[in-house]
């Protein structure tokens, strides 16, 4: 399987979809949902991000199970449009830890990778107790014959391990289970990923390690001295607010700072 991001200082931008049908915040505007997602994908590619993740961020509160058929259908449709419109790698994240939907969408739509939030740890979240998906996900990818990489969170944001263990142990477990890259996060969306946590994981594994939350134009230089790359959403939005549209100016400035590190 090819290495998607072989260089350092990788920036993966988030496409936070507006609320989808069946979610409490859905407003009925499918055309607007498509238009915003495609516009944001094209803006992010134009300013120089290295990859994208399409996520149903607006579907709060998230469910701890595979989503409804209409959610899968719409995410697949939007993803296919984005894959056709950009030349950079595209990933899928279906909240929360809907690993089968993620792999199926990526496989069917020609996306390159998925983000699995709960890969090897059993966690407690606001959705309840979530079991790890590594064994099933790796087998499902094999069954499909899919060339889709798995970016696995270790002790992901908004969760607590049911059985306490070190971050390094979780990272080593994820590597052994077949992850292609690891993601380390802060406590919540928009909360900075601790530098010492990134350092611990980076020193323990041979996989690429990404900071998955709270990266800004002010701390990205420090983060990229350790991590292979960052996954960034809020910092690229208007006023730095996660639910707002992408700000081309903020995105351009973020990439300018990152590229000055090369």
C-alpha atoms as a PDB file:
ATOM      1  CA  UNK A   1       0.000   0.000   0.000  1.00  0.00           C
ATOM      2  CA  UNK A   2       1.450   3.362  -1.038  1.00  0.00           C
ATOM      3  CA  UNK A   3       2.435   5.960   1.526  1.00  0.00           C
ATOM      4  CA  UNK A   4      -0.062   8.800   1.107  1.00  0.00           C
ATOM      5  CA  UNK A   5       1.968  11.443   2.857  1.00  0.00           C
ATOM      6  CA  UNK A   6       5.646  10.621   2.552  1.00  0.00           C
ATOM      7  CA  UNK A   7       6.883  14.149   3.238  1.00  0.00           C
ATOM      8  CA  UNK A   8       7.035  16.015   6.528  1.00  0.00           C
ATOM      9  CA  UNK A   9       4.926  18.992   7.629  1.00  0.00           C
ATOM     10  CA  UNK A  10       1.740  17.488   6.191  1.00  0.00           C
ATOM     11  CA  UNK A  11      -1.500  19.473   6.534  1.00  0.00           C
ATOM     12  CA  UNK A  12      -4.823  17.640   6.288  1.00  0.00           C
ATOM     13  CA  UNK A  13      -7.799  19.993   6.207  1.00  0.00           C
ATOM     14  CA  UNK A  14     -11.277  19.155   7.485  1.00  0.00           C
ATOM     15  CA  UNK A  15     -14.443  19.353   5.400  1.00  0.00           C
ATOM     16  CA  UNK A  16     -17.070  19.620   8.151  1.00  0.00           C
ATOM     17  CA  UNK A  17     -20.347  18.758   6.460  1.00  0.00           C
ATOM     18  CA  UNK A  18     -23.482  20.631   7.403  1.00  0.00           C
ATOM     19  CA  UNK A  19     -26.049  18.537   9.311  1.00  0.00           C
ATOM     20  CA  UNK A  20     -27.368  15.609   7.276  1.00  0.00           C
ATOM     21  CA  UNK A  21     -30.935  14.231   7.088  1.00  0.00           C
ATOM     22  CA  UNK A  22     -32.117  12.457  10.286  1.00  0.00           C
ATOM     23  CA  UNK A  23     -29.809  14.615  12.441  1.00  0.00           C
ATOM     24  CA  UNK A  24     -31.543  17.121  14.764  1.00  0.00           C
ATOM     25  CA  UNK A  25     -29.941  20.173  13.141  1.00  0.00           C
ATOM     26  CA  UNK A  26     -30.695  19.287   9.500  1.00  0.00           C
ATOM     27  CA  UNK A  27     -32.386  22.241   7.776  1.00  0.00           C
ATOM     28  CA  UNK A  28     -33.443  20.562   4.532  1.00  0.00           C
ATOM     29  CA  UNK A  29     -30.993  22.311   2.194  1.00  0.00           C
ATOM     30  CA  UNK A  30     -29.183  19.527   0.363  1.00  0.00           C
ATOM     31  CA  UNK A  31     -28.053  21.846  -2.436  1.00  0.00           C
ATOM     32  CA  UNK A  32     -26.392  24.162   0.077  1.00  0.00           C
ATOM     33  CA  UNK A  33     -24.715  21.197   1.770  1.00  0.00           C
ATOM     34  CA  UNK A  34     -23.135  20.065  -1.506  1.00  0.00           C
ATOM     35  CA  UNK A  35     -22.154  23.577  -2.562  1.00  0.00           C
ATOM     36  CA  UNK A  36     -20.406  24.402   0.709  1.00  0.00           C
ATOM     37  CA  UNK A  37     -18.527  21.097   0.848  1.00  0.00           C
ATOM     38  CA  UNK A  38     -17.257  21.390  -2.717  1.00  0.00           C
ATOM     39  CA  UNK A  39     -16.346  25.062  -2.306  1.00  0.00           C
ATOM     40  CA  UNK A  40     -14.376  24.341   0.859  1.00  0.00           C
ATOM     41  CA  UNK A  41     -12.567  21.402  -0.751  1.00  0.00           C
ATOM     42  CA  UNK A  42     -11.527  23.536  -3.697  1.00  0.00           C
ATOM     43  CA  UNK A  43     -10.401  26.416  -1.443  1.00  0.00           C
ATOM     44  CA  UNK A  44      -8.318  24.113   0.744  1.00  0.00           C
ATOM     45  CA  UNK A  45      -6.661  22.497  -2.254  1.00  0.00           C
ATOM     46  CA  UNK A  46      -5.969  25.899  -3.814  1.00  0.00           C
ATOM     47  CA  UNK A  47      -4.169  27.220  -0.711  1.00  0.00           C
ATOM     48  CA  UNK A  48      -1.971  24.120  -0.592  1.00  0.00           C
ATOM     49  CA  UNK A  49      -3.221  21.579   1.942  1.00  0.00           C
ATOM     50  CA  UNK A  50      -1.931  18.051   1.347  1.00  0.00           C
ATOM     51  CA  UNK A  51      -5.171  16.158   1.961  1.00  0.00           C
ATOM     52  CA  UNK A  52      -8.771  16.409   3.134  1.00  0.00           C
ATOM     53  CA  UNK A  53     -11.069  14.565   5.530  1.00  0.00           C
ATOM     54  CA  UNK A  54     -14.829  14.613   4.883  1.00  0.00           C
ATOM     55  CA  UNK A  55     -16.700  14.366   8.200  1.00  0.00           C
ATOM     56  CA  UNK A  56     -20.372  14.544   9.216  1.00  0.00           C
ATOM     57  CA  UNK A  57     -19.449  17.028  11.938  1.00  0.00           C
ATOM     58  CA  UNK A  58     -22.897  18.615  11.988  1.00  0.00           C
ATOM     59  CA  UNK A  59     -24.718  15.428  13.022  1.00  0.00           C
ATOM     60  CA  UNK A  60     -24.632  16.095  16.771  1.00  0.00           C
ATOM     61  CA  UNK A  61     -25.324  14.308  19.028  1.00  0.00           C
ATOM     62  CA  UNK A  62     -23.378  11.438  17.464  1.00  0.00           C
ATOM     63  CA  UNK A  63     -24.582   7.854  17.618  1.00  0.00           C
ATOM     64  CA  UNK A  64     -22.466   4.911  18.726  1.00  0.00           C
ATOM     65  CA  UNK A  65     -23.485   2.688  15.822  1.00  0.00           C
ATOM     66  CA  UNK A  66     -23.467   2.558  12.052  1.00  0.00           C
ATOM     67  CA  UNK A  67     -25.476   5.496  10.662  1.00  0.00           C
ATOM     68  CA  UNK A  68     -28.773   5.482   8.814  1.00  0.00           C
ATOM     69  CA  UNK A  69     -28.759   4.581   5.121  1.00  0.00           C
ATOM     70  CA  UNK A  70     -29.444   8.176   4.056  1.00  0.00           C
ATOM     71  CA  UNK A  71     -26.362   9.404   5.928  1.00  0.00           C
ATOM     72  CA  UNK A  72     -24.152   6.822   4.229  1.00  0.00           C
ATOM     73  CA  UNK A  73     -25.694   7.618   0.845  1.00  0.00           C
ATOM     74  CA  UNK A  74     -25.191  11.366   1.185  1.00  0.00           C
ATOM     75  CA  UNK A  75     -21.663  11.075   2.545  1.00  0.00           C
ATOM     76  CA  UNK A  76     -20.786   8.774  -0.336  1.00  0.00           C
ATOM     77  CA  UNK A  77     -22.316  11.151  -2.875  1.00  0.00           C
ATOM     78  CA  UNK A  78     -20.576  14.235  -1.481  1.00  0.00           C
ATOM     79  CA  UNK A  79     -17.292  12.359  -1.169  1.00  0.00           C
ATOM     80  CA  UNK A  80     -17.436  11.190  -4.766  1.00  0.00           C
ATOM     81  CA  UNK A  81     -17.992  14.759  -5.930  1.00  0.00           C
ATOM     82  CA  UNK A  82     -15.010  15.939  -3.872  1.00  0.00           C
ATOM     83  CA  UNK A  83     -12.753  13.117  -5.091  1.00  0.00           C
ATOM     84  CA  UNK A  84     -13.599  14.133  -8.659  1.00  0.00           C
ATOM     85  CA  UNK A  85     -12.977  17.831  -8.025  1.00  0.00           C
ATOM     86  CA  UNK A  86      -9.563  17.687  -6.308  1.00  0.00           C
ATOM     87  CA  UNK A  87      -6.230  16.030  -6.982  1.00  0.00           C
ATOM     88  CA  UNK A  88      -5.129  15.568  -3.358  1.00  0.00           C
ATOM     89  CA  UNK A  89      -5.910  12.537  -1.138  1.00  0.00           C
ATOM     90  CA  UNK A  90      -9.354  12.430   0.458  1.00  0.00           C
ATOM     91  CA  UNK A  91     -10.266  10.696   3.722  1.00  0.00           C
ATOM     92  CA  UNK A  92     -13.546   9.765   5.433  1.00  0.00           C
ATOM     93  CA  UNK A  93     -14.651  10.118   9.044  1.00  0.00           C
ATOM     94  CA  UNK A  94     -18.187   9.040   9.975  1.00  0.00           C
ATOM     95  CA  UNK A  95     -19.015   9.983  13.552  1.00  0.00           C
ATOM     96  CA  UNK A  96     -18.713   8.212  15.881  1.00  0.00           C
ATOM     97  CA  UNK A  97     -16.314   5.412  14.968  1.00  0.00           C
ATOM     98  CA  UNK A  98     -18.616   4.077  12.239  1.00  0.00           C
ATOM     99  CA  UNK A  99     -15.756   2.083  10.796  1.00  0.00           C
ATOM    100  CA  UNK A 100     -17.755  -0.079   8.385  1.00  0.00           C
ATOM    101  CA  UNK A 101     -19.476   2.916   6.802  1.00  0.00           C
ATOM    102  CA  UNK A 102     -16.135   4.709   6.533  1.00  0.00           C
ATOM    103  CA  UNK A 103     -14.386   1.848   4.787  1.00  0.00           C
ATOM    104  CA  UNK A 104     -17.367   1.178   2.501  1.00  0.00           C
ATOM    105  CA  UNK A 105     -17.638   4.834   1.468  1.00  0.00           C
ATOM    106  CA  UNK A 106     -13.888   5.154   0.893  1.00  0.00           C
ATOM    107  CA  UNK A 107     -13.796   1.949  -1.158  1.00  0.00           C
ATOM    108  CA  UNK A 108     -16.863   2.822  -3.245  1.00  0.00           C
ATOM    109  CA  UNK A 109     -15.920   6.457  -3.865  1.00  0.00           C
ATOM    110  CA  UNK A 110     -12.199   6.171  -4.507  1.00  0.00           C
ATOM    111  CA  UNK A 111     -11.155   7.907  -1.291  1.00  0.00           C
ATOM    112  CA  UNK A 112      -7.701   7.205   0.072  1.00  0.00           C
ATOM    113  CA  UNK A 113      -7.980   6.811   3.841  1.00  0.00           C
ATOM    114  CA  UNK A 114     -10.311   6.774   6.828  1.00  0.00           C
ATOM    115  CA  UNK A 115     -10.061   8.022  10.403  1.00  0.00           C
ATOM    116  CA  UNK A 116     -11.012   5.446  13.041  1.00  0.00           C
ATOM    117  CA  UNK A 117     -11.440   7.114  16.431  1.00  0.00           C
ATOM    118  CA  UNK A 118     -11.649   3.961  18.574  1.00  0.00           C
ATOM    119  CA  UNK A 119      -9.247   1.445  17.065  1.00  0.00           C
ATOM    120  CA  UNK A 120      -7.753  -0.531  19.958  1.00  0.00           C
ATOM    121  CA  UNK A 121      -9.050   0.973  23.218  1.00  0.00           C
ATOM    122  CA  UNK A 122     -12.407   0.376  24.879  1.00  0.00           C
ATOM    123  CA  UNK A 123     -13.607   3.865  25.808  1.00  0.00           C
ATOM    124  CA  UNK A 124     -16.382   5.663  27.624  1.00  0.00           C
ATOM    125  CA  UNK A 125     -17.875   8.608  25.760  1.00  0.00           C
ATOM    126  CA  UNK A 126     -21.071  10.630  25.706  1.00  0.00           C
ATOM    127  CA  UNK A 127     -22.359   7.979  23.306  1.00  0.00           C
ATOM    128  CA  UNK A 128     -21.766   5.239  25.879  1.00  0.00           C
ATOM    129  CA  UNK A 129     -19.143   2.502  25.955  1.00  0.00           C
ATOM    130  CA  UNK A 130     -17.433   2.093  22.579  1.00  0.00           C
ATOM    131  CA  UNK A 131     -15.596  -1.123  21.740  1.00  0.00           C
ATOM    132  CA  UNK A 132     -12.445  -1.121  19.585  1.00  0.00           C
ATOM    133  CA  UNK A 133     -12.867  -1.883  15.900  1.00  0.00           C
ATOM    134  CA  UNK A 134      -9.381  -2.969  14.809  1.00  0.00           C
ATOM    135  CA  UNK A 135     -10.054  -6.684  14.341  1.00  0.00           C
ATOM    136  CA  UNK A 136     -13.258  -6.170  12.337  1.00  0.00           C
ATOM    137  CA  UNK A 137     -11.957  -3.215  10.344  1.00  0.00           C
ATOM    138  CA  UNK A 138      -8.735  -4.876   9.237  1.00  0.00           C
ATOM    139  CA  UNK A 139     -10.674  -7.957   8.154  1.00  0.00           C
ATOM    140  CA  UNK A 140     -13.279  -5.874   6.315  1.00  0.00           C
ATOM    141  CA  UNK A 141     -10.588  -4.014   4.391  1.00  0.00           C
ATOM    142  CA  UNK A 142      -9.062  -7.352   3.431  1.00  0.00           C
ATOM    143  CA  UNK A 143     -12.431  -8.731   2.310  1.00  0.00           C
ATOM    144  CA  UNK A 144     -13.030  -5.722   0.082  1.00  0.00           C
ATOM    145  CA  UNK A 145      -9.509  -5.729  -1.284  1.00  0.00           C
ATOM    146  CA  UNK A 146      -9.511  -2.008  -0.553  1.00  0.00           C
ATOM    147  CA  UNK A 147      -6.369   0.122  -0.910  1.00  0.00           C
ATOM    148  CA  UNK A 148      -7.599   2.418   1.862  1.00  0.00           C
ATOM    149  CA  UNK A 149      -5.283   3.488   4.659  1.00  0.00           C
ATOM    150  CA  UNK A 150      -6.385   3.567   8.301  1.00  0.00           C
ATOM    151  CA  UNK A 151      -5.482   6.620  10.366  1.00  0.00           C
ATOM    152  CA  UNK A 152      -6.173   5.497  13.941  1.00  0.00           C
ATOM    153  CA  UNK A 153      -6.680   7.733  16.952  1.00  0.00           C
ATOM    154  CA  UNK A 154      -5.057   6.648  20.185  1.00  0.00           C
ATOM    155  CA  UNK A 155      -7.047   7.536  23.311  1.00  0.00           C
ATOM    156  CA  UNK A 156      -9.074   9.977  21.254  1.00  0.00           C
ATOM    157  CA  UNK A 157     -10.630  13.282  22.319  1.00  0.00           C
ATOM    158  CA  UNK A 158     -13.983  13.304  24.154  1.00  0.00           C
ATOM    159  CA  UNK A 159     -13.335   9.817  25.595  1.00  0.00           C
ATOM    160  CA  UNK A 160     -11.809   8.095  28.615  1.00  0.00           C
ATOM    161  CA  UNK A 161     -10.307   4.616  28.510  1.00  0.00           C
ATOM    162  CA  UNK A 162     -12.434   2.049  30.328  1.00  0.00           C
ATOM    163  CA  UNK A 163      -9.266   0.170  31.260  1.00  0.00           C
ATOM    164  CA  UNK A 164      -6.539   2.715  32.011  1.00  0.00           C
ATOM    165  CA  UNK A 165      -3.264   2.239  30.198  1.00  0.00           C
ATOM    166  CA  UNK A 166      -0.495   4.466  28.940  1.00  0.00           C
ATOM    167  CA  UNK A 167      -0.763   6.405  25.706  1.00  0.00           C
ATOM    168  CA  UNK A 168       2.347   4.625  24.467  1.00  0.00           C
ATOM    169  CA  UNK A 169       0.781   1.199  25.083  1.00  0.00           C
ATOM    170  CA  UNK A 170      -2.291   2.226  23.073  1.00  0.00           C
ATOM    171  CA  UNK A 171      -0.052   3.502  20.285  1.00  0.00           C
ATOM    172  CA  UNK A 172       1.941   0.266  20.173  1.00  0.00           C
ATOM    173  CA  UNK A 173      -1.291  -1.749  20.185  1.00  0.00           C
ATOM    174  CA  UNK A 174      -2.624   0.288  17.242  1.00  0.00           C
ATOM    175  CA  UNK A 175       0.590  -0.203  15.300  1.00  0.00           C
ATOM    176  CA  UNK A 176       0.505  -3.941  15.923  1.00  0.00           C
ATOM    177  CA  UNK A 177      -3.158  -4.093  14.885  1.00  0.00           C
ATOM    178  CA  UNK A 178      -2.423  -2.720  11.429  1.00  0.00           C
ATOM    179  CA  UNK A 179      -2.912   1.051  11.521  1.00  0.00           C
ATOM    180  CA  UNK A 180      -1.138   2.987   8.778  1.00  0.00           C
ATOM    181  CA  UNK A 181      -0.803   6.223  10.772  1.00  0.00           C
ATOM    182  CA  UNK A 182      -1.634   7.375  14.297  1.00  0.00           C
ATOM    183  CA  UNK A 183      -3.468  10.457  15.540  1.00  0.00           C
ATOM    184  CA  UNK A 184      -2.907  12.053  18.941  1.00  0.00           C
ATOM    185  CA  UNK A 185      -5.403  14.652  20.162  1.00  0.00           C
ATOM    186  CA  UNK A 186      -6.176  17.018  22.999  1.00  0.00           C
ATOM    187  CA  UNK A 187      -9.167  16.544  25.279  1.00  0.00           C
ATOM    188  CA  UNK A 188     -11.731  17.971  22.836  1.00  0.00           C
ATOM    189  CA  UNK A 189     -12.246  19.528  19.413  1.00  0.00           C
ATOM    190  CA  UNK A 190     -10.205  22.711  19.246  1.00  0.00           C
ATOM    191  CA  UNK A 191      -8.129  21.789  22.322  1.00  0.00           C
ATOM    192  CA  UNK A 192      -4.402  21.720  21.637  1.00  0.00           C
ATOM    193  CA  UNK A 193      -2.682  18.349  21.369  1.00  0.00           C
ATOM    194  CA  UNK A 194      -0.033  18.202  24.138  1.00  0.00           C
ATOM    195  CA  UNK A 195       3.482  18.278  22.729  1.00  0.00           C
ATOM    196  CA  UNK A 196       4.713  15.727  25.261  1.00  0.00           C
ATOM    197  CA  UNK A 197       1.984  13.291  24.161  1.00  0.00           C
ATOM    198  CA  UNK A 198       3.033  13.614  20.520  1.00  0.00           C
ATOM    199  CA  UNK A 199       6.669  13.126  21.528  1.00  0.00           C
ATOM    200  CA  UNK A 200       5.933   9.978  23.544  1.00  0.00           C
ATOM    201  CA  UNK A 201       4.040   8.342  20.700  1.00  0.00           C
ATOM    202  CA  UNK A 202       6.515   9.451  18.031  1.00  0.00           C
ATOM    203  CA  UNK A 203       9.412   7.910  19.923  1.00  0.00           C
ATOM    204  CA  UNK A 204       7.552   4.626  20.496  1.00  0.00           C
ATOM    205  CA  UNK A 205       6.285   3.773  17.001  1.00  0.00           C
ATOM    206  CA  UNK A 206       7.552   3.628  13.440  1.00  0.00           C
ATOM    207  CA  UNK A 207       4.306   4.954  11.921  1.00  0.00           C
ATOM    208  CA  UNK A 208       3.581   8.556  10.921  1.00  0.00           C
ATOM    209  CA  UNK A 209       2.082  10.498  13.840  1.00  0.00           C
ATOM    210  CA  UNK A 210      -0.381  13.369  13.419  1.00  0.00           C
ATOM    211  CA  UNK A 211      -1.690  15.999  15.814  1.00  0.00           C
ATOM    212  CA  UNK A 212      -5.474  15.751  15.556  1.00  0.00           C
ATOM    213  CA  UNK A 213      -6.852  18.744  17.423  1.00  0.00           C
ATOM    214  CA  UNK A 214      -6.173  22.306  18.459  1.00  0.00           C
ATOM    215  CA  UNK A 215      -3.481  23.191  15.941  1.00  0.00           C
ATOM    216  CA  UNK A 216      -3.344  26.913  15.174  1.00  0.00           C
ATOM    217  CA  UNK A 217      -1.137  29.294  13.267  1.00  0.00           C
ATOM    218  CA  UNK A 218       0.517  30.080  16.609  1.00  0.00           C
ATOM    219  CA  UNK A 219       1.473  26.546  17.685  1.00  0.00           C
ATOM    220  CA  UNK A 220       1.848  24.667  14.391  1.00  0.00           C
ATOM    221  CA  UNK A 221       5.606  25.341  14.208  1.00  0.00           C
ATOM    222  CA  UNK A 222       6.183  23.687  17.588  1.00  0.00           C
ATOM    223  CA  UNK A 223       3.916  20.754  16.733  1.00  0.00           C
ATOM    224  CA  UNK A 224       5.589  20.056  13.403  1.00  0.00           C
ATOM    225  CA  UNK A 225       8.998  19.876  15.023  1.00  0.00           C
ATOM    226  CA  UNK A 226       7.738  16.584  16.422  1.00  0.00           C
ATOM    227  CA  UNK A 227       4.735  15.339  14.439  1.00  0.00           C
ATOM    228  CA  UNK A 228       4.693  14.265  10.804  1.00  0.00           C
ATOM    229  CA  UNK A 229       1.653  16.397  10.193  1.00  0.00           C
ATOM    230  CA  UNK A 230      -1.519  17.989  11.501  1.00  0.00           C
ATOM    231  CA  UNK A 231      -5.243  17.569  10.969  1.00  0.00           C
ATOM    232  CA  UNK A 232      -6.755  21.030  11.168  1.00  0.00           C
ATOM    233  CA  UNK A 233     -10.314  22.323  11.129  1.00  0.00           C
ATOM    234  CA  UNK A 234     -11.232  25.142  13.506  1.00  0.00           C
ATOM    235  CA  UNK A 235      -8.121  27.241  12.858  1.00  0.00           C
ATOM    236  CA  UNK A 236      -9.028  27.550   9.173  1.00  0.00           C
ATOM    237  CA  UNK A 237     -12.605  28.700   9.792  1.00  0.00           C
ATOM    238  CA  UNK A 238     -13.986  32.230   9.936  1.00  0.00           C
ATOM    239  CA  UNK A 239     -13.227  33.637  13.416  1.00  0.00           C
ATOM    240  CA  UNK A 240     -11.684  30.258  14.310  1.00  0.00           C
ATOM    241  CA  UNK A 241     -15.148  28.838  15.040  1.00  0.00           C
ATOM    242  CA  UNK A 242     -15.541  25.181  14.032  1.00  0.00           C
ATOM    243  CA  UNK A 243     -19.073  25.486  12.658  1.00  0.00           C
ATOM    244  CA  UNK A 244     -18.250  28.462  10.408  1.00  0.00           C
ATOM    245  CA  UNK A 245     -17.188  28.335   6.777  1.00  0.00           C
ATOM    246  CA  UNK A 246     -13.563  28.023   5.728  1.00  0.00           C
ATOM    247  CA  UNK A 247     -11.797  31.374   5.665  1.00  0.00           C
ATOM    248  CA  UNK A 248      -9.529  31.498   2.587  1.00  0.00           C
ATOM    249  CA  UNK A 249      -7.403  34.147   4.296  1.00  0.00           C
ATOM    250  CA  UNK A 250      -6.899  32.136   7.503  1.00  0.00           C
ATOM    251  CA  UNK A 251      -6.212  28.965   5.510  1.00  0.00           C
ATOM    252  CA  UNK A 252      -3.700  30.742   3.303  1.00  0.00           C
ATOM    253  CA  UNK A 253      -1.865  32.205   6.309  1.00  0.00           C
ATOM    254  CA  UNK A 254      -1.774  28.806   8.046  1.00  0.00           C
ATOM    255  CA  UNK A 255      -0.199  27.165   4.998  1.00  0.00           C
ATOM    256  CA  UNK A 256       2.250  30.068   4.609  1.00  0.00           C
ATOM    257  CA  UNK A 257       3.535  29.447   8.136  1.00  0.00           C
ATOM    258  CA  UNK A 258       3.814  25.689   7.572  1.00  0.00           C
ATOM    259  CA  UNK A 259       5.653  26.033   4.269  1.00  0.00           C
ATOM    260  CA  UNK A 260       8.119  28.472   5.853  1.00  0.00           C
ATOM    261  CA  UNK A 261       9.278  25.547   7.998  1.00  0.00           C
ATOM    262  CA  UNK A 262      10.517  23.541   4.999  1.00  0.00           C
END
